[in-house]
C-alpha atoms as a PDB file:
ATOM      1  CA  UNK A   1      13.186   9.959  -7.297  1.00  0.00           C
ATOM      2  CA  UNK A   2      11.442   8.123  -4.546  1.00  0.00           C
ATOM      3  CA  UNK A   3       8.200   9.468  -3.586  1.00  0.00           C
ATOM      4  CA  UNK A   4       6.436   8.122  -0.416  1.00  0.00           C
ATOM      5  CA  UNK A   5       2.780   7.936  -1.540  1.00  0.00           C
ATOM      6  CA  UNK A   6       1.669   7.779   1.986  1.00  0.00           C
ATOM      7  CA  UNK A   7       3.022  11.229   2.683  1.00  0.00           C
ATOM      8  CA  UNK A   8       0.648  12.624  -0.124  1.00  0.00           C
ATOM      9  CA  UNK A   9      -2.463  10.390   0.508  1.00  0.00           C
ATOM     10  CA  UNK A  10      -2.127   8.853   3.962  1.00  0.00           C
ATOM     11  CA  UNK A  11      -3.864   5.728   4.110  1.00  0.00           C
ATOM     12  CA  UNK A  12      -6.556   6.016   1.628  1.00  0.00           C
ATOM     13  CA  UNK A  13      -5.450   6.692  -2.002  1.00  0.00           C
ATOM     14  CA  UNK A  14      -9.231   7.365  -3.044  1.00  0.00           C
ATOM     15  CA  UNK A  15      -9.633  10.980  -4.089  1.00  0.00           C
ATOM     16  CA  UNK A  16      -9.389  13.075  -7.370  1.00  0.00           C
ATOM     17  CA  UNK A  17      -7.557  15.672  -5.598  1.00  0.00           C
ATOM     18  CA  UNK A  18      -4.878  13.384  -4.178  1.00  0.00           C
ATOM     19  CA  UNK A  19      -4.319  11.702  -7.433  1.00  0.00           C
ATOM     20  CA  UNK A  20      -3.826  14.998  -9.022  1.00  0.00           C
ATOM     21  CA  UNK A  21      -1.136  15.900  -6.474  1.00  0.00           C
ATOM     22  CA  UNK A  22       0.681  12.699  -7.218  1.00  0.00           C
ATOM     23  CA  UNK A  23       0.521  13.200 -10.958  1.00  0.00           C
ATOM     24  CA  UNK A  24       1.468  16.821 -10.685  1.00  0.00           C
ATOM     25  CA  UNK A  25       4.862  15.379  -8.968  1.00  0.00           C
ATOM     26  CA  UNK A  26       5.379  12.324 -11.123  1.00  0.00           C
ATOM     27  CA  UNK A  27       4.218  13.492 -14.688  1.00  0.00           C
ATOM     28  CA  UNK A  28       7.144  16.247 -15.280  1.00  0.00           C
ATOM     29  CA  UNK A  29       9.797  13.889 -13.927  1.00  0.00           C
ATOM     30  CA  UNK A  30       8.887  11.195 -16.227  1.00  0.00           C
ATOM     31  CA  UNK A  31       8.655  13.523 -19.256  1.00  0.00           C
ATOM     32  CA  UNK A  32      12.189  14.643 -18.243  1.00  0.00           C
ATOM     33  CA  UNK A  33      13.010  10.991 -18.424  1.00  0.00           C
ATOM     34  CA  UNK A  34      13.895  10.587 -14.771  1.00  0.00           C
ATOM     35  CA  UNK A  35      13.431   7.565 -12.773  1.00  0.00           C
ATOM     36  CA  UNK A  36      10.754   7.444 -10.198  1.00  0.00           C
ATOM     37  CA  UNK A  37      10.232   4.961  -7.255  1.00  0.00           C
ATOM     38  CA  UNK A  38       6.494   5.036  -6.043  1.00  0.00           C
ATOM     39  CA  UNK A  39       6.391   3.713  -2.464  1.00  0.00           C
ATOM     40  CA  UNK A  40       2.937   2.725  -1.258  1.00  0.00           C
ATOM     41  CA  UNK A  41       4.004   1.337   1.995  1.00  0.00           C
ATOM     42  CA  UNK A  42       1.379   2.194   4.643  1.00  0.00           C
ATOM     43  CA  UNK A  43      -1.332   2.994   2.067  1.00  0.00           C
ATOM     44  CA  UNK A  44      -4.214   0.618   2.720  1.00  0.00           C
ATOM     45  CA  UNK A  45      -6.779   1.352   0.023  1.00  0.00           C
ATOM     46  CA  UNK A  46      -5.987   2.367  -3.605  1.00  0.00           C
ATOM     47  CA  UNK A  47      -9.023   2.728  -5.908  1.00  0.00           C
ATOM     48  CA  UNK A  48      -8.917   2.192  -9.562  1.00  0.00           C
ATOM     49  CA  UNK A  49      -9.953   5.864 -10.099  1.00  0.00           C
ATOM     50  CA  UNK A  50      -6.827   6.990  -8.172  1.00  0.00           C
ATOM     51  CA  UNK A  51      -4.530   4.843 -10.243  1.00  0.00           C
ATOM     52  CA  UNK A  52      -5.963   5.823 -13.415  1.00  0.00           C
ATOM     53  CA  UNK A  53      -5.800   9.682 -12.626  1.00  0.00           C
ATOM     54  CA  UNK A  54      -2.423   9.637 -10.941  1.00  0.00           C
ATOM     55  CA  UNK A  55      -0.530   6.840 -13.033  1.00  0.00           C
ATOM     56  CA  UNK A  56      -2.059   5.335 -16.071  1.00  0.00           C
ATOM     57  CA  UNK A  57      -3.253   8.561 -17.779  1.00  0.00           C
ATOM     58  CA  UNK A  58       0.747   9.182 -18.191  1.00  0.00           C
ATOM     59  CA  UNK A  59       0.761   6.472 -20.952  1.00  0.00           C
ATOM     60  CA  UNK A  60      -0.945   8.889 -23.290  1.00  0.00           C
ATOM     61  CA  UNK A  61       2.143  10.719 -23.389  1.00  0.00           C
ATOM     62  CA  UNK A  62       5.189   8.174 -22.913  1.00  0.00           C
ATOM     63  CA  UNK A  63       5.525   4.721 -24.364  1.00  0.00           C
ATOM     64  CA  UNK A  64       4.739   1.686 -22.221  1.00  0.00           C
ATOM     65  CA  UNK A  65       8.458   0.573 -22.604  1.00  0.00           C
ATOM     66  CA  UNK A  66       9.730   3.976 -21.340  1.00  0.00           C
ATOM     67  CA  UNK A  67       7.219   4.004 -18.415  1.00  0.00           C
ATOM     68  CA  UNK A  68       8.233   0.499 -17.461  1.00  0.00           C
ATOM     69  CA  UNK A  69      11.959   1.602 -17.606  1.00  0.00           C
ATOM     70  CA  UNK A  70      11.264   4.855 -15.402  1.00  0.00           C
ATOM     71  CA  UNK A  71       8.711   3.708 -12.972  1.00  0.00           C
ATOM     72  CA  UNK A  72       9.029   1.541 -10.063  1.00  0.00           C
ATOM     73  CA  UNK A  73       6.255   0.491  -7.780  1.00  0.00           C
ATOM     74  CA  UNK A  74       6.934  -0.844  -4.221  1.00  0.00           C
ATOM     75  CA  UNK A  75       4.965  -1.585  -1.034  1.00  0.00           C
ATOM     76  CA  UNK A  76       1.830  -2.457  -2.968  1.00  0.00           C
ATOM     77  CA  UNK A  77      -0.269  -5.292  -1.613  1.00  0.00           C
ATOM     78  CA  UNK A  78      -0.627  -8.194  -4.106  1.00  0.00           C
ATOM     79  CA  UNK A  79      -4.213  -7.118  -4.615  1.00  0.00           C
ATOM     80  CA  UNK A  80      -3.324  -3.509  -5.498  1.00  0.00           C
ATOM     81  CA  UNK A  81      -0.414  -4.730  -7.791  1.00  0.00           C
ATOM     82  CA  UNK A  82      -3.033  -6.960  -9.876  1.00  0.00           C
ATOM     83  CA  UNK A  83      -5.230  -4.118  -9.973  1.00  0.00           C
ATOM     84  CA  UNK A  84      -2.510  -1.670 -11.329  1.00  0.00           C
ATOM     85  CA  UNK A  85      -1.270  -4.248 -13.860  1.00  0.00           C
ATOM     86  CA  UNK A  86      -4.712  -4.557 -15.131  1.00  0.00           C
ATOM     87  CA  UNK A  87      -5.135  -0.906 -15.357  1.00  0.00           C
ATOM     88  CA  UNK A  88      -2.088  -0.092 -17.024  1.00  0.00           C
ATOM     89  CA  UNK A  89      -2.815  -2.819 -19.828  1.00  0.00           C
ATOM     90  CA  UNK A  90      -6.110  -1.173 -20.342  1.00  0.00           C
ATOM     91  CA  UNK A  91      -4.621   2.228 -20.522  1.00  0.00           C
ATOM     92  CA  UNK A  92      -1.925   1.059 -23.049  1.00  0.00           C
ATOM     93  CA  UNK A  93      -4.721  -0.433 -25.168  1.00  0.00           C
ATOM     94  CA  UNK A  94      -6.791   2.628 -25.021  1.00  0.00           C
ATOM     95  CA  UNK A  95      -3.754   5.179 -25.741  1.00  0.00           C
ATOM     96  CA  UNK A  96      -2.007   3.039 -28.389  1.00  0.00           C
ATOM     97  CA  UNK A  97      -4.888   1.482 -30.325  1.00  0.00           C
ATOM     98  CA  UNK A  98      -6.708   4.168 -32.259  1.00  0.00           C
ATOM     99  CA  UNK A  99      -9.545   1.864 -33.289  1.00  0.00           C
ATOM    100  CA  UNK A 100     -10.129   0.475 -29.972  1.00  0.00           C
ATOM    101  CA  UNK A 101     -10.025   4.030 -28.517  1.00  0.00           C
ATOM    102  CA  UNK A 102     -12.531   5.246 -31.055  1.00  0.00           C
ATOM    103  CA  UNK A 103     -14.917   2.429 -30.326  1.00  0.00           C
ATOM    104  CA  UNK A 104     -14.729   3.164 -26.538  1.00  0.00           C
ATOM    105  CA  UNK A 105     -15.344   6.868 -27.091  1.00  0.00           C
ATOM    106  CA  UNK A 106     -18.306   6.063 -29.137  1.00  0.00           C
ATOM    107  CA  UNK A 107     -19.910   3.931 -26.840  1.00  0.00           C
ATOM    108  CA  UNK A 108     -19.203   6.212 -23.890  1.00  0.00           C
ATOM    109  CA  UNK A 109     -20.628   9.065 -25.955  1.00  0.00           C
ATOM    110  CA  UNK A 110     -24.012   6.905 -26.760  1.00  0.00           C
ATOM    111  CA  UNK A 111     -24.267   5.948 -23.096  1.00  0.00           C
ATOM    112  CA  UNK A 112     -23.901   9.594 -21.764  1.00  0.00           C
ATOM    113  CA  UNK A 113     -26.537  10.998 -24.279  1.00  0.00           C
ATOM    114  CA  UNK A 114     -28.907   8.405 -23.244  1.00  0.00           C
ATOM    115  CA  UNK A 115     -28.903   9.674 -19.845  1.00  0.00           C
END
């Protein structure tokens, strides 16, 4: 399945609502082990928030190996490709390393309670 991300977000992939729209399309397809091609042609700005909400949280439910087999990204600028690669590595560590996840969750909890 090819998804033209521009058709969902236009030029700016920045909002929670558009990230959720993309996630709602991609997630069930990946759980069904169907190939997905995400074409970002025409999308000028993609935030880390968007990538995390639309893409990297999927790693909670499928392995990185399966993710890499099923998902193809096209049309990303070099800068956005580097950002996505970095975020995927972070998500992989968070979801697959329980000790690391617990440490991050503890720090985030402490920071939130200090507010």
